[in-house]
Amino acid sequence: ANLRDFTLSAVEELEQLEPFGADNPPPVIAVQGLTVAEMAQVGDRGAHLRVVLRDSNGASARAIWFRNGEIAGRLKVQQKVHVCLRPKVSQWNGAKTVELQLKDIMISEGMQ
């Protein structure tokens, strides 16, 4: 997968697999070879990590990793990473957007 694959219509199709639970876990997708374009700790006391990721085609997307803000101390802007994420449709004020929820980040020594 690359970041351009996470269109609203594609993520809405994935959500047709709901309801998610013990016997039907939500999809988690691996995306390799991304660059950390921006990052910040957000939320109460920096509890969460928000990043902007960029792929080799120049596409970028914002993602959040809940309850993992401390990871910011181990990441650097322009660092290469592989991620596992769960794409979700988020609704706010009547507008639908794609939200990428990080589930894991791998930093390889050879990728730095």
PDB file of N, CA and C in Angstrom:
ATOM      1  N   ALA A   1       0.836  -1.188   0.000  1.00  0.00           N
ATOM      2  CA  ALA A   1       0.000   0.000   0.000  1.00  0.00           C
ATOM      3  C   ALA A   1       0.877   1.246   0.000  1.00  0.00           C
ATOM      4  N   ASN A   2       0.347   2.323  -0.560  1.00  0.00           N
ATOM      5  CA  ASN A   2       0.999   3.624  -0.409  1.00  0.00           C
ATOM      6  C   ASN A   2      -0.049   4.612   0.080  1.00  0.00           C
ATOM      7  N   LEU A   3       0.359   5.803   0.430  1.00  0.00           N
ATOM      8  CA  LEU A   3      -0.544   6.749   1.069  1.00  0.00           C
ATOM      9  C   LEU A   3      -1.697   7.186   0.175  1.00  0.00           C
ATOM     10  N   ARG A   4      -1.519   7.147  -1.138  1.00  0.00           N
ATOM     11  CA  ARG A   4      -2.605   7.535  -2.051  1.00  0.00           C
ATOM     12  C   ARG A   4      -3.734   6.502  -2.064  1.00  0.00           C
ATOM     13  N   ASP A   5      -3.467   5.294  -1.546  1.00  0.00           N
ATOM     14  CA  ASP A   5      -4.497   4.251  -1.509  1.00  0.00           C
ATOM     15  C   ASP A   5      -5.587   4.536  -0.478  1.00  0.00           C
ATOM     16  N   PHE A   6      -5.316   5.403   0.484  1.00  0.00           N
ATOM     17  CA  PHE A   6      -6.254   5.639   1.578  1.00  0.00           C
ATOM     18  C   PHE A   6      -7.234   6.765   1.249  1.00  0.00           C
ATOM     19  N   THR A   7      -7.997   6.543   0.177  1.00  0.00           N
ATOM     20  CA  THR A   7      -9.032   7.499  -0.202  1.00  0.00           C
ATOM     21  C   THR A   7     -10.261   7.282   0.677  1.00  0.00           C
ATOM     22  N   LEU A   8     -11.119   8.273   0.733  1.00  0.00           N
ATOM     23  CA  LEU A   8     -12.335   8.146   1.532  1.00  0.00           C
ATOM     24  C   LEU A   8     -13.168   6.958   1.056  1.00  0.00           C
ATOM     25  N   SER A   9     -13.323   6.790  -0.249  1.00  0.00           N
ATOM     26  CA  SER A   9     -14.145   5.680  -0.752  1.00  0.00           C
ATOM     27  C   SER A   9     -13.517   4.328  -0.423  1.00  0.00           C
ATOM     28  N   ALA A  10     -12.193   4.211  -0.512  1.00  0.00           N
ATOM     29  CA  ALA A  10     -11.528   2.942  -0.189  1.00  0.00           C
ATOM     30  C   ALA A  10     -11.686   2.595   1.286  1.00  0.00           C
ATOM     31  N   VAL A  11     -11.543   3.576   2.157  1.00  0.00           N
ATOM     32  CA  VAL A  11     -11.670   3.328   3.597  1.00  0.00           C
ATOM     33  C   VAL A  11     -13.124   3.035   3.961  1.00  0.00           C
ATOM     34  N   GLU A  12     -14.070   3.686   3.290  1.00  0.00           N
ATOM     35  CA  GLU A  12     -15.481   3.373   3.528  1.00  0.00           C
ATOM     36  C   GLU A  12     -15.787   1.933   3.132  1.00  0.00           C
ATOM     37  N   GLU A  13     -15.155   1.438   2.059  1.00  0.00           N
ATOM     38  CA  GLU A  13     -15.334   0.032   1.672  1.00  0.00           C
ATOM     39  C   GLU A  13     -14.796  -0.905   2.747  1.00  0.00           C
ATOM     40  N   LEU A  14     -13.636  -0.586   3.321  1.00  0.00           N
ATOM     41  CA  LEU A  14     -13.098  -1.409   4.411  1.00  0.00           C
ATOM     42  C   LEU A  14     -14.047  -1.443   5.603  1.00  0.00           C
ATOM     43  N   GLU A  15     -14.702  -0.326   5.868  1.00  0.00           N
ATOM     44  CA  GLU A  15     -15.600  -0.268   7.013  1.00  0.00           C
ATOM     45  C   GLU A  15     -16.879  -1.070   6.803  1.00  0.00           C
ATOM     46  N   GLN A  16     -17.118  -1.529   5.568  1.00  0.00           N
ATOM     47  CA  GLN A  16     -18.247  -2.417   5.309  1.00  0.00           C
ATOM     48  C   GLN A  16     -18.056  -3.770   5.999  1.00  0.00           C
ATOM     49  N   LEU A  17     -16.810  -4.050   6.426  1.00  0.00           N
ATOM     50  CA  LEU A  17     -16.503  -5.306   7.117  1.00  0.00           C
ATOM     51  C   LEU A  17     -16.935  -5.276   8.581  1.00  0.00           C
ATOM     52  N   GLU A  18     -17.388  -4.111   9.084  1.00  0.00           N
ATOM     53  CA  GLU A  18     -17.832  -3.997  10.478  1.00  0.00           C
ATOM     54  C   GLU A  18     -19.051  -4.883  10.703  1.00  0.00           C
ATOM     55  N   PRO A  19     -19.366  -5.245  11.922  1.00  0.00           N
ATOM     56  CA  PRO A  19     -18.777  -4.759  13.163  1.00  0.00           C
ATOM     57  C   PRO A  19     -17.485  -5.502  13.494  1.00  0.00           C
ATOM     58  N   PHE A  20     -16.506  -4.741  14.000  1.00  0.00           N
ATOM     59  CA  PHE A  20     -15.237  -5.317  14.390  1.00  0.00           C
ATOM     60  C   PHE A  20     -15.307  -5.741  15.844  1.00  0.00           C
ATOM     61  N   GLY A  21     -14.611  -6.804  16.154  1.00  0.00           N
ATOM     62  CA  GLY A  21     -14.582  -7.319  17.518  1.00  0.00           C
ATOM     63  C   GLY A  21     -13.607  -8.477  17.591  1.00  0.00           C
ATOM     64  N   ALA A  22     -13.752  -9.315  18.591  1.00  0.00           N
ATOM     65  CA  ALA A  22     -12.813 -10.423  18.822  1.00  0.00           C
ATOM     66  C   ALA A  22     -12.756 -11.386  17.634  1.00  0.00           C
ATOM     67  N   ASP A  23     -13.889 -11.694  17.040  1.00  0.00           N
ATOM     68  CA  ASP A  23     -13.913 -12.632  15.916  1.00  0.00           C
ATOM     69  C   ASP A  23     -13.733 -11.962  14.561  1.00  0.00           C
ATOM     70  N   ASN A  24     -13.706 -10.649  14.544  1.00  0.00           N
ATOM     71  CA  ASN A  24     -13.555  -9.908  13.297  1.00  0.00           C
ATOM     72  C   ASN A  24     -12.730  -8.650  13.567  1.00  0.00           C
ATOM     73  N   PRO A  25     -11.397  -8.826  13.682  1.00  0.00           N
ATOM     74  CA  PRO A  25     -10.555  -7.670  14.020  1.00  0.00           C
ATOM     75  C   PRO A  25     -10.526  -6.647  12.876  1.00  0.00           C
ATOM     76  N   PRO A  26     -10.350  -5.363  13.216  1.00  0.00           N
ATOM     77  CA  PRO A  26     -10.278  -4.335  12.170  1.00  0.00           C
ATOM     78  C   PRO A  26      -9.008  -4.506  11.342  1.00  0.00           C
ATOM     79  N   PRO A  27      -9.056  -4.089  10.077  1.00  0.00           N
ATOM     80  CA  PRO A  27      -7.880  -4.225   9.228  1.00  0.00           C
ATOM     81  C   PRO A  27      -6.736  -3.325   9.681  1.00  0.00           C
ATOM     82  N   VAL A  28      -5.533  -3.880   9.718  1.00  0.00           N
ATOM     83  CA  VAL A  28      -4.307  -3.131   9.991  1.00  0.00           C
ATOM     84  C   VAL A  28      -3.410  -3.346   8.780  1.00  0.00           C
ATOM     85  N   ILE A  29      -2.932  -2.255   8.206  1.00  0.00           N
ATOM     86  CA  ILE A  29      -2.201  -2.301   6.936  1.00  0.00           C
ATOM     87  C   ILE A  29      -0.778  -1.801   7.137  1.00  0.00           C
ATOM     88  N   ALA A  30       0.168  -2.512   6.549  1.00  0.00           N
ATOM     89  CA  ALA A  30       1.580  -2.110   6.602  1.00  0.00           C
ATOM     90  C   ALA A  30       1.897  -1.219   5.405  1.00  0.00           C
ATOM     91  N   VAL A  31       2.625  -0.149   5.670  1.00  0.00           N
ATOM     92  CA  VAL A  31       3.105   0.741   4.610  1.00  0.00           C
ATOM     93  C   VAL A  31       4.592   0.942   4.862  1.00  0.00           C
ATOM     94  N   GLN A  32       5.407   0.616   3.863  1.00  0.00           N
ATOM     95  CA  GLN A  32       6.856   0.652   4.029  1.00  0.00           C
ATOM     96  C   GLN A  32       7.474   1.857   3.335  1.00  0.00           C
ATOM     97  N   GLY A  33       8.657   2.228   3.812  1.00  0.00           N
ATOM     98  CA  GLY A  33       9.466   3.248   3.157  1.00  0.00           C
ATOM     99  C   GLY A  33       8.904   4.655   3.213  1.00  0.00           C
ATOM    100  N   LEU A  34       8.360   5.043   4.348  1.00  0.00           N
ATOM    101  CA  LEU A  34       7.828   6.390   4.512  1.00  0.00           C
ATOM    102  C   LEU A  34       8.860   7.295   5.184  1.00  0.00           C
ATOM    103  N   THR A  35       8.681   8.586   5.041  1.00  0.00           N
ATOM    104  CA  THR A  35       9.527   9.574   5.695  1.00  0.00           C
ATOM    105  C   THR A  35       8.677  10.356   6.689  1.00  0.00           C
ATOM    106  N   VAL A  36       9.208  10.582   7.874  1.00  0.00           N
ATOM    107  CA  VAL A  36       8.540  11.429   8.862  1.00  0.00           C
ATOM    108  C   VAL A  36       8.756  12.877   8.422  1.00  0.00           C
ATOM    109  N   ALA A  37       7.696  13.530   7.967  1.00  0.00           N
ATOM    110  CA  ALA A  37       7.801  14.914   7.501  1.00  0.00           C
ATOM    111  C   ALA A  37       7.628  15.908   8.643  1.00  0.00           C
ATOM    112  N   GLU A  38       6.734  15.580   9.574  1.00  0.00           N
ATOM    113  CA  GLU A  38       6.489  16.425  10.743  1.00  0.00           C
ATOM    114  C   GLU A  38       6.066  15.520  11.887  1.00  0.00           C
ATOM    115  N   MET A  39       6.256  15.986  13.116  1.00  0.00           N
ATOM    116  CA  MET A  39       5.752  15.230  14.264  1.00  0.00           C
ATOM    117  C   MET A  39       5.569  16.162  15.444  1.00  0.00           C
ATOM    118  N   ALA A  40       4.632  15.775  16.309  1.00  0.00           N
ATOM    119  CA  ALA A  40       4.367  16.553  17.517  1.00  0.00           C
ATOM    120  C   ALA A  40       3.649  15.669  18.520  1.00  0.00           C
ATOM    121  N   GLN A  41       3.891  15.951  19.792  1.00  0.00           N
ATOM    122  CA  GLN A  41       3.122  15.327  20.848  1.00  0.00           C
ATOM    123  C   GLN A  41       1.890  16.193  21.066  1.00  0.00           C
ATOM    124  N   VAL A  42       0.725  15.567  21.148  1.00  0.00           N
ATOM    125  CA  VAL A  42      -0.527  16.291  21.306  1.00  0.00           C
ATOM    126  C   VAL A  42      -1.343  15.674  22.431  1.00  0.00           C
ATOM    127  N   GLY A  43      -2.383  16.380  22.827  1.00  0.00           N
ATOM    128  CA  GLY A  43      -3.248  15.873  23.883  1.00  0.00           C
ATOM    129  C   GLY A  43      -2.727  16.236  25.257  1.00  0.00           C
ATOM    130  N   ASP A  44      -3.422  15.762  26.261  1.00  0.00           N
ATOM    131  CA  ASP A  44      -3.073  16.043  27.643  1.00  0.00           C
ATOM    132  C   ASP A  44      -1.673  15.531  27.954  1.00  0.00           C
ATOM    133  N   ARG A  45      -0.772  16.443  28.314  1.00  0.00           N
ATOM    134  CA  ARG A  45       0.624  16.132  28.640  1.00  0.00           C
ATOM    135  C   ARG A  45       1.365  15.418  27.504  1.00  0.00           C
ATOM    136  N   GLY A  46       0.982  15.685  26.267  1.00  0.00           N
ATOM    137  CA  GLY A  46       1.676  15.076  25.132  1.00  0.00           C
ATOM    138  C   GLY A  46       1.475  13.582  25.028  1.00  0.00           C
ATOM    139  N   ALA A  47       0.304  13.115  25.426  1.00  0.00           N
ATOM    140  CA  ALA A  47       0.042  11.674  25.490  1.00  0.00           C
ATOM    141  C   ALA A  47       0.028  10.989  24.130  1.00  0.00           C
ATOM    142  N   HIS A  48      -0.260  11.733  23.069  1.00  0.00           N
ATOM    143  CA  HIS A  48      -0.414  11.126  21.748  1.00  0.00           C
ATOM    144  C   HIS A  48       0.646  11.663  20.788  1.00  0.00           C
ATOM    145  N   LEU A  49       0.956  10.884  19.776  1.00  0.00           N
ATOM    146  CA  LEU A  49       1.918  11.279  18.747  1.00  0.00           C
ATOM    147  C   LEU A  49       1.168  11.559  17.456  1.00  0.00           C
ATOM    148  N   ARG A  50       1.343  12.753  16.913  1.00  0.00           N
ATOM    149  CA  ARG A  50       0.775  13.085  15.611  1.00  0.00           C
ATOM    150  C   ARG A  50       1.940  13.262  14.643  1.00  0.00           C
ATOM    151  N   VAL A  51       1.856  12.606  13.494  1.00  0.00           N
ATOM    152  CA  VAL A  51       2.917  12.699  12.494  1.00  0.00           C
ATOM    153  C   VAL A  51       2.319  12.987  11.122  1.00  0.00           C
ATOM    154  N   VAL A  52       3.118  13.609  10.290  1.00  0.00           N
ATOM    155  CA  VAL A  52       2.820  13.698   8.868  1.00  0.00           C
ATOM    156  C   VAL A  52       3.829  12.799   8.195  1.00  0.00           C
ATOM    157  N   LEU A  53       3.328  11.834   7.435  1.00  0.00           N
ATOM    158  CA  LEU A  53       4.170  10.868   6.741  1.00  0.00           C
ATOM    159  C   LEU A  53       4.151  11.168   5.254  1.00  0.00           C
ATOM    160  N   ARG A  54       5.276  10.937   4.586  1.00  0.00           N
ATOM    161  CA  ARG A  54       5.385  11.155   3.141  1.00  0.00           C
ATOM    162  C   ARG A  54       5.920   9.881   2.499  1.00  0.00           C
ATOM    163  N   ASP A  55       5.322   9.486   1.370  1.00  0.00           N
ATOM    164  CA  ASP A  55       5.818   8.300   0.682  1.00  0.00           C
ATOM    165  C   ASP A  55       6.748   8.699  -0.463  1.00  0.00           C
ATOM    166  N   SER A  56       7.314   7.713  -1.141  1.00  0.00           N
ATOM    167  CA  SER A  56       8.303   7.977  -2.183  1.00  0.00           C
ATOM    168  C   SER A  56       7.701   8.655  -3.404  1.00  0.00           C
ATOM    169  N   ASN A  57       6.369   8.640  -3.525  1.00  0.00           N
ATOM    170  CA  ASN A  57       5.698   9.307  -4.643  1.00  0.00           C
ATOM    171  C   ASN A  57       5.338  10.756  -4.319  1.00  0.00           C
ATOM    172  N   GLY A  58       5.677  11.212  -3.113  1.00  0.00           N
ATOM    173  CA  GLY A  58       5.396  12.583  -2.720  1.00  0.00           C
ATOM    174  C   GLY A  58       4.058  12.783  -2.038  1.00  0.00           C
ATOM    175  N   ALA A  59       3.253  11.726  -1.924  1.00  0.00           N
ATOM    176  CA  ALA A  59       1.974  11.847  -1.219  1.00  0.00           C
ATOM    177  C   ALA A  59       2.244  11.929   0.273  1.00  0.00           C
ATOM    178  N   SER A  60       1.413  12.699   0.982  1.00  0.00           N
ATOM    179  CA  SER A  60       1.583  12.792   2.421  1.00  0.00           C
ATOM    180  C   SER A  60       0.233  12.605   3.104  1.00  0.00           C
ATOM    181  N   ALA A  61       0.303  12.185   4.369  1.00  0.00           N
ATOM    182  CA  ALA A  61      -0.910  11.970   5.156  1.00  0.00           C
ATOM    183  C   ALA A  61      -0.574  12.164   6.618  1.00  0.00           C
ATOM    184  N   ARG A  62      -1.564  12.650   7.355  1.00  0.00           N
ATOM    185  CA  ARG A  62      -1.417  12.825   8.789  1.00  0.00           C
ATOM    186  C   ARG A  62      -1.909  11.565   9.486  1.00  0.00           C
ATOM    187  N   ALA A  63      -1.209  11.167  10.547  1.00  0.00           N
ATOM    188  CA  ALA A  63      -1.594   9.989  11.317  1.00  0.00           C
ATOM    189  C   ALA A  63      -1.416  10.283  12.799  1.00  0.00           C
ATOM    190  N   ILE A  64      -2.128   9.521  13.615  1.00  0.00           N
ATOM    191  CA  ILE A  64      -2.028   9.701  15.062  1.00  0.00           C
ATOM    192  C   ILE A  64      -1.821   8.346  15.715  1.00  0.00           C
ATOM    193  N   TRP A  65      -1.027   8.357  16.793  1.00  0.00           N
ATOM    194  CA  TRP A  65      -0.794   7.153  17.582  1.00  0.00           C
ATOM    195  C   TRP A  65      -1.211   7.477  19.004  1.00  0.00           C
ATOM    196  N   PHE A  66      -2.377   7.000  19.380  1.00  0.00           N
ATOM    197  CA  PHE A  66      -2.922   7.286  20.699  1.00  0.00           C
ATOM    198  C   PHE A  66      -2.095   6.615  21.791  1.00  0.00           C
ATOM    199  N   ARG A  67      -1.895   7.331  22.888  1.00  0.00           N
ATOM    200  CA  ARG A  67      -1.187   6.857  24.084  1.00  0.00           C
ATOM    201  C   ARG A  67       0.271   6.453  23.808  1.00  0.00           C
ATOM    202  N   ASN A  68       0.891   7.056  22.800  1.00  0.00           N
ATOM    203  CA  ASN A  68       2.289   6.763  22.480  1.00  0.00           C
ATOM    204  C   ASN A  68       3.079   8.027  22.163  1.00  0.00           C
ATOM    205  N   GLY A  69       2.749   9.121  22.823  1.00  0.00           N
ATOM    206  CA  GLY A  69       3.439  10.390  22.577  1.00  0.00           C
ATOM    207  C   GLY A  69       4.925  10.339  22.862  1.00  0.00           C
ATOM    208  N   GLU A  70       5.332   9.478  23.799  1.00  0.00           N
ATOM    209  CA  GLU A  70       6.752   9.406  24.167  1.00  0.00           C
ATOM    210  C   GLU A  70       7.628   8.901  23.019  1.00  0.00           C
ATOM    211  N   ILE A  71       7.042   8.304  22.014  1.00  0.00           N
ATOM    212  CA  ILE A  71       7.802   7.828  20.849  1.00  0.00           C
ATOM    213  C   ILE A  71       8.473   9.003  20.128  1.00  0.00           C
ATOM    214  N   ALA A  72       7.925  10.199  20.285  1.00  0.00           N
ATOM    215  CA  ALA A  72       8.509  11.382  19.638  1.00  0.00           C
ATOM    216  C   ALA A  72       9.973  11.564  20.025  1.00  0.00           C
ATOM    217  N   GLY A  73      10.353  11.118  21.207  1.00  0.00           N
ATOM    218  CA  GLY A  73      11.736  11.232  21.638  1.00  0.00           C
ATOM    219  C   GLY A  73      12.681  10.308  20.888  1.00  0.00           C
ATOM    220  N   ARG A  74      12.136   9.330  20.184  1.00  0.00           N
ATOM    221  CA  ARG A  74      12.968   8.386  19.427  1.00  0.00           C
ATOM    222  C   ARG A  74      12.911   8.592  17.923  1.00  0.00           C
ATOM    223  N   LEU A  75      12.030   9.464  17.472  1.00  0.00           N
ATOM    224  CA  LEU A  75      11.891   9.737  16.041  1.00  0.00           C
ATOM    225  C   LEU A  75      12.548  11.061  15.688  1.00  0.00           C
ATOM    226  N   LYS A  76      12.894  11.199  14.423  1.00  0.00           N
ATOM    227  CA  LYS A  76      13.439  12.450  13.914  1.00  0.00           C
ATOM    228  C   LYS A  76      12.719  12.798  12.622  1.00  0.00           C
ATOM    229  N   VAL A  77      12.549  14.087  12.383  1.00  0.00           N
ATOM    230  CA  VAL A  77      12.019  14.521  11.097  1.00  0.00           C
ATOM    231  C   VAL A  77      13.016  14.108  10.022  1.00  0.00           C
ATOM    232  N   GLN A  78      12.526  13.664   8.899  1.00  0.00           N
ATOM    233  CA  GLN A  78      13.280  13.144   7.754  1.00  0.00           C
ATOM    234  C   GLN A  78      13.753  11.699   7.950  1.00  0.00           C
ATOM    235  N   GLN A  79      13.369  11.074   9.045  1.00  0.00           N
ATOM    236  CA  GLN A  79      13.739   9.679   9.286  1.00  0.00           C
ATOM    237  C   GLN A  79      12.836   8.760   8.462  1.00  0.00           C
ATOM    238  N   LYS A  80      13.393   7.662   7.993  1.00  0.00           N
ATOM    239  CA  LYS A  80      12.652   6.667   7.233  1.00  0.00           C
ATOM    240  C   LYS A  80      12.046   5.648   8.197  1.00  0.00           C
ATOM    241  N   VAL A  81      10.783   5.297   7.941  1.00  0.00           N
ATOM    242  CA  VAL A  81      10.077   4.366   8.812  1.00  0.00           C
ATOM    243  C   VAL A  81       9.170   3.451   7.996  1.00  0.00           C
ATOM    244  N   HIS A  82       8.816   2.323   8.602  1.00  0.00           N
ATOM    245  CA  HIS A  82       7.734   1.459   8.147  1.00  0.00           C
ATOM    246  C   HIS A  82       6.657   1.589   9.212  1.00  0.00           C
ATOM    247  N   VAL A  83       5.390   1.560   8.818  1.00  0.00           N
ATOM    248  CA  VAL A  83       4.322   1.679   9.805  1.00  0.00           C
ATOM    249  C   VAL A  83       3.253   0.616   9.586  1.00  0.00           C
ATOM    250  N   CYS A  84       2.534   0.327  10.645  1.00  0.00           N
ATOM    251  CA  CYS A  84       1.290  -0.432  10.583  1.00  0.00           C
ATOM    252  C   CYS A  84       0.213   0.532  11.046  1.00  0.00           C
ATOM    253  N   LEU A  85      -0.884   0.601  10.305  1.00  0.00           N
ATOM    254  CA  LEU A  85      -1.919   1.560  10.655  1.00  0.00           C
ATOM    255  C   LEU A  85      -3.304   1.009  10.372  1.00  0.00           C
ATOM    256  N   ARG A  86      -4.257   1.631  11.021  1.00  0.00           N
ATOM    257  CA  ARG A  86      -5.658   1.307  10.796  1.00  0.00           C
ATOM    258  C   ARG A  86      -6.335   2.538  10.206  1.00  0.00           C
ATOM    259  N   PRO A  87      -6.791   2.434   8.958  1.00  0.00           N
ATOM    260  CA  PRO A  87      -7.515   3.567   8.377  1.00  0.00           C
ATOM    261  C   PRO A  87      -8.955   3.565   8.862  1.00  0.00           C
ATOM    262  N   LYS A  88      -9.459   4.752   9.205  1.00  0.00           N
ATOM    263  CA  LYS A  88     -10.837   4.898   9.666  1.00  0.00           C
ATOM    264  C   LYS A  88     -11.466   6.121   9.024  1.00  0.00           C
ATOM    265  N   VAL A  89     -12.783   6.101   8.900  1.00  0.00           N
ATOM    266  CA  VAL A  89     -13.511   7.283   8.476  1.00  0.00           C
ATOM    267  C   VAL A  89     -13.887   8.055   9.731  1.00  0.00           C
ATOM    268  N   SER A  90     -13.547   9.320   9.753  1.00  0.00           N
ATOM    269  CA  SER A  90     -13.858  10.188  10.881  1.00  0.00           C
ATOM    270  C   SER A  90     -14.885  11.219  10.428  1.00  0.00           C
ATOM    271  N   GLN A  91     -15.879  11.478  11.268  1.00  0.00           N
ATOM    272  CA  GLN A  91     -16.884  12.491  10.951  1.00  0.00           C
ATOM    273  C   GLN A  91     -16.844  13.586  11.998  1.00  0.00           C
ATOM    274  N   TRP A  92     -16.796  14.831  11.530  1.00  0.00           N
ATOM    275  CA  TRP A  92     -16.818  15.973  12.434  1.00  0.00           C
ATOM    276  C   TRP A  92     -17.510  17.125  11.738  1.00  0.00           C
ATOM    277  N   ASN A  93     -18.511  17.686  12.372  1.00  0.00           N
ATOM    278  CA  ASN A  93     -19.304  18.782  11.805  1.00  0.00           C
ATOM    279  C   ASN A  93     -19.873  18.416  10.435  1.00  0.00           C
ATOM    280  N   GLY A  94     -20.258  17.158  10.274  1.00  0.00           N
ATOM    281  CA  GLY A  94     -20.866  16.711   9.033  1.00  0.00           C
ATOM    282  C   GLY A  94     -19.896  16.379   7.917  1.00  0.00           C
ATOM    283  N   ALA A  95     -18.620  16.624   8.113  1.00  0.00           N
ATOM    284  CA  ALA A  95     -17.624  16.329   7.075  1.00  0.00           C
ATOM    285  C   ALA A  95     -16.933  14.997   7.382  1.00  0.00           C
ATOM    286  N   LYS A  96     -16.742  14.193   6.351  1.00  0.00           N
ATOM    287  CA  LYS A  96     -16.042  12.919   6.497  1.00  0.00           C
ATOM    288  C   LYS A  96     -14.604  13.060   6.005  1.00  0.00           C
ATOM    289  N   THR A  97     -13.677  12.522   6.779  1.00  0.00           N
ATOM    290  CA  THR A  97     -12.274  12.496   6.382  1.00  0.00           C
ATOM    291  C   THR A  97     -11.685  11.141   6.748  1.00  0.00           C
ATOM    292  N   VAL A  98     -10.544  10.829   6.181  1.00  0.00           N
ATOM    293  CA  VAL A  98      -9.823   9.609   6.522  1.00  0.00           C
ATOM    294  C   VAL A  98      -8.890   9.919   7.679  1.00  0.00           C
ATOM    295  N   GLU A  99      -8.950   9.102   8.716  1.00  0.00           N
ATOM    296  CA  GLU A  99      -8.031   9.206   9.849  1.00  0.00           C
ATOM    297  C   GLU A  99      -7.163   7.954   9.861  1.00  0.00           C
ATOM    298  N   LEU A 100      -5.863   8.145   9.891  1.00  0.00           N
ATOM    299  CA  LEU A 100      -4.936   7.017   9.961  1.00  0.00           C
ATOM    300  C   LEU A 100      -4.465   6.884  11.403  1.00  0.00           C
ATOM    301  N   GLN A 101      -4.802   5.757  12.020  1.00  0.00           N
ATOM    302  CA  GLN A 101      -4.392   5.503  13.395  1.00  0.00           C
ATOM    303  C   GLN A 101      -3.191   4.562  13.375  1.00  0.00           C
ATOM    304  N   LEU A 102      -2.059   5.047  13.854  1.00  0.00           N
ATOM    305  CA  LEU A 102      -0.860   4.228  13.911  1.00  0.00           C
ATOM    306  C   LEU A 102      -1.016   3.127  14.941  1.00  0.00           C
ATOM    307  N   LYS A 103      -0.492   1.953  14.609  1.00  0.00           N
ATOM    308  CA  LYS A 103      -0.484   0.823  15.524  1.00  0.00           C
ATOM    309  C   LYS A 103       0.947   0.406  15.854  1.00  0.00           C
ATOM    310  N   ASP A 104       1.909   0.736  14.963  1.00  0.00           N
ATOM    311  CA  ASP A 104       3.313   0.431  15.211  1.00  0.00           C
ATOM    312  C   ASP A 104       4.168   1.206  14.222  1.00  0.00           C
ATOM    313  N   ILE A 105       5.397   1.503  14.637  1.00  0.00           N
ATOM    314  CA  ILE A 105       6.388   2.160  13.770  1.00  0.00           C
ATOM    315  C   ILE A 105       7.686   1.395  13.918  1.00  0.00           C
ATOM    316  N   MET A 106       8.326   1.114  12.799  1.00  0.00           N
ATOM    317  CA  MET A 106       9.636   0.465  12.840  1.00  0.00           C
ATOM    318  C   MET A 106      10.663   1.403  12.210  1.00  0.00           C
ATOM    319  N   ILE A 107      11.721   1.637  12.968  1.00  0.00           N
ATOM    320  CA  ILE A 107      12.850   2.415  12.471  1.00  0.00           C
ATOM    321  C   ILE A 107      13.989   1.429  12.277  1.00  0.00           C
ATOM    322  N   SER A 108      14.452   1.313  11.056  1.00  0.00           N
ATOM    323  CA  SER A 108      15.549   0.395  10.777  1.00  0.00           C
ATOM    324  C   SER A 108      16.869   1.149  10.757  1.00  0.00           C
ATOM    325  N   GLU A 109      17.871   0.574  11.388  1.00  0.00           N
ATOM    326  CA  GLU A 109      19.218   1.210  11.407  1.00  0.00           C
ATOM    327  C   GLU A 109      19.673   1.511   9.993  1.00  0.00           C
ATOM    328  N   GLY A 110      19.398   0.617   9.074  1.00  0.00           N
ATOM    329  CA  GLY A 110      19.817   0.801   7.689  1.00  0.00           C
ATOM    330  C   GLY A 110      19.036   1.863   6.956  1.00  0.00           C
ATOM    331  N   MET A 111      17.913   2.325   7.531  1.00  0.00           N
ATOM    332  CA  MET A 111      17.069   3.295   6.857  1.00  0.00           C
ATOM    333  C   MET A 111      17.342   4.720   7.310  1.00  0.00           C
ATOM    334  N   GLN A 112      18.105   4.925   8.350  1.00  0.00           N
ATOM    335  CA  GLN A 112      18.284   6.270   8.900  1.00  0.00           C
ATOM    336  C   GLN A 112      19.156   7.138   8.043  1.00  0.00           C
TER     337      GLN A 112
END
